[in-house]
Protein backbone atom coordinates (compact mmCIF):
# COMPACT_ATOMS: atom_id res chain seq x y z
CA MET A 1 17.46 27.07 -17.61
CA PHE A 2 14.49 24.68 -16.16
CA ALA A 3 14.11 21.85 -14.75
CA ILE A 4 11.27 19.77 -14.32
CA VAL A 5 11.14 17.69 -11.39
CA LYS A 6 8.64 15.43 -9.21
CA THR A 7 7.79 15.34 -6.33
CA GLY A 8 5.22 14.32 -3.85
CA GLY A 9 3.31 12.59 -6.90
CA LYS A 10 2.90 15.96 -8.30
CA GLN A 11 5.44 17.89 -11.14
CA TYR A 12 7.19 21.70 -10.71
CA ARG A 13 8.46 23.78 -13.45
CA VAL A 14 11.34 25.03 -11.59
CA ALA A 15 14.58 27.29 -11.94
CA GLU A 16 16.82 28.93 -10.16
CA ASN A 17 16.58 31.64 -7.40
CA ASN A 18 12.41 29.61 -7.45
CA ILE A 19 10.50 28.77 -4.08
CA ILE A 20 8.07 26.28 -4.81
CA ARG A 21 5.58 24.99 -1.96
CA VAL A 22 5.29 20.78 -1.90
CA GLU A 23 4.04 17.75 -0.59
CA LYS A 24 6.06 17.73 3.07
CA LEU A 25 9.27 16.48 2.79
CA GLU A 26 11.15 14.93 6.06
CA ALA A 27 13.93 18.40 6.79
CA GLU A 28 15.20 20.83 8.77
CA ALA A 29 14.05 24.00 7.75
CA GLY A 30 17.45 25.16 6.66
CA ALA A 31 18.47 21.82 5.40
CA LYS A 32 19.67 21.37 1.97
CA ILE A 33 17.90 18.90 -0.30
CA ASN A 34 18.14 17.09 -3.36
CA LEU A 35 15.27 16.19 -6.03
CA GLY A 36 16.34 13.71 -8.13
CA GLU A 37 13.56 13.07 -9.81
CA VAL A 38 14.43 15.47 -13.03
CA LEU A 39 12.19 14.72 -15.69
CA MET A 40 13.09 17.61 -18.30
CA LEU A 41 15.71 19.85 -18.04
CA SER A 42 15.80 23.56 -21.02
CA ASP A 43 18.86 25.34 -21.21
CA GLY A 44 16.88 27.73 -23.62
CA LYS A 45 18.38 26.47 -26.81
CA LYS A 46 19.22 22.14 -26.23
CA VAL A 47 16.23 20.43 -24.10
CA THR A 48 16.80 16.59 -22.64
CA VAL A 49 13.65 14.64 -22.17
CA GLY A 50 14.38 11.56 -19.46
CA LEU A 51 13.16 8.67 -20.33
CA PRO A 52 11.40 8.91 -18.06
CA THR A 53 14.07 11.03 -15.65
CA VAL A 54 17.14 12.24 -16.96
CA GLU A 55 20.64 10.95 -15.61
CA GLY A 56 23.35 12.50 -13.94
CA ALA A 57 20.50 15.55 -13.43
CA LYS A 58 19.47 16.95 -9.86
CA VAL A 59 18.30 19.97 -8.67
CA GLU A 60 20.03 21.39 -4.82
CA ALA A 61 17.13 22.98 -2.88
CA THR A 62 17.41 25.08 0.87
CA VAL A 63 14.16 24.14 3.48
CA LEU A 64 12.83 27.24 4.07
CA GLU A 65 10.23 26.20 5.94
CA GLN A 66 7.35 23.54 7.58
CA MET A 67 3.90 24.38 6.46
CA ARG A 68 -0.18 24.17 6.74
CA ASP A 69 -1.98 25.14 3.24
CA ARG A 70 -5.18 27.21 3.87
CA LYS A 71 -7.94 24.88 4.88
CA VAL A 72 -10.36 23.34 2.59
CA ILE A 73 -13.58 21.73 3.94
CA VAL A 74 -15.85 19.11 2.77
CA PHE A 75 -19.42 19.66 3.79
CA LYS A 76 -21.79 17.01 2.59
CA LYS A 77 -25.75 16.99 2.15
CA THR A 78 -28.66 15.01 1.38
CA ARG A 79 -31.62 17.14 1.07
CA ARG A 80 -35.07 15.88 3.15
CA HIS A 81 -32.66 13.55 5.46
CA ASN A 82 -31.07 15.70 7.91
CA TYR A 83 -28.20 14.43 6.78
CA ARG A 84 -25.25 16.71 6.97
CA ARG A 85 -21.58 16.28 7.61
CA LYS A 86 -18.75 18.62 8.19
CA LYS A 87 -14.46 18.42 7.89
CA GLY A 88 -12.24 20.79 7.03
CA HIS A 89 -7.77 19.91 5.81
CA ARG A 90 -5.19 21.10 5.96
CA GLN A 91 -1.92 19.62 4.00
CA ASN A 92 1.19 19.25 5.25
CA LEU A 93 3.84 21.50 3.40
CA THR A 94 7.86 22.30 2.20
CA VAL A 95 9.20 26.20 1.62
CA LEU A 96 11.80 25.55 -1.07
CA LYS A 97 13.71 27.36 -2.15
CA ILE A 98 15.81 25.87 -5.49
CA THR A 99 19.26 26.31 -4.81
CA LYS A 100 20.97 24.96 -8.59
CA ILE A 101 19.68 22.85 -11.28
CA VAL A 102 22.82 19.92 -12.28
CA GLY A 103 23.00 19.13 -15.89
CA ALA A 104 22.57 15.59 -17.25
CA LYS A 105 25.61 14.15 -17.80
CA ALA A 106 27.44 14.27 -21.24
CA ALA A 107 25.96 10.34 -21.92
CA ALA A 108 22.69 11.33 -21.51
CA PRO A 109 21.54 13.20 -24.45
CA LYS A 110 24.53 10.74 -27.01
CA ALA A 111 21.99 8.02 -25.99
CA GLN A 112 18.21 9.86 -26.42
CA ALA A 113 20.26 10.82 -29.69
CA GLU A 114 20.69 6.15 -30.57
CA GLU A 115 16.99 6.08 -29.37
CA ASN A 116 15.59 8.78 -32.20
């Protein structure tokens, strides 16, 4: 079973026991959090696509650590004008371990079938 979740403006394909790095979330290491914006669920046979999210579906995760990503160098230069600017950026990240994917309510597939 896998799910597509949205957090931090990005989408991630997750399955149980996956470890993912997402934009920083306000949680301590060891805390349990729920990712409620589930865009799609699949159990191998049946796929449920949300409109825009799947009703009643959620992904439970445990925060492993808060970290910073590798440094990205931003360098600007204009030739023959002695213009050089160098900046660095390190993004704050949260490392999550997906513990459980909770499926949608029984009413959600019926509503989706009526629309088709």
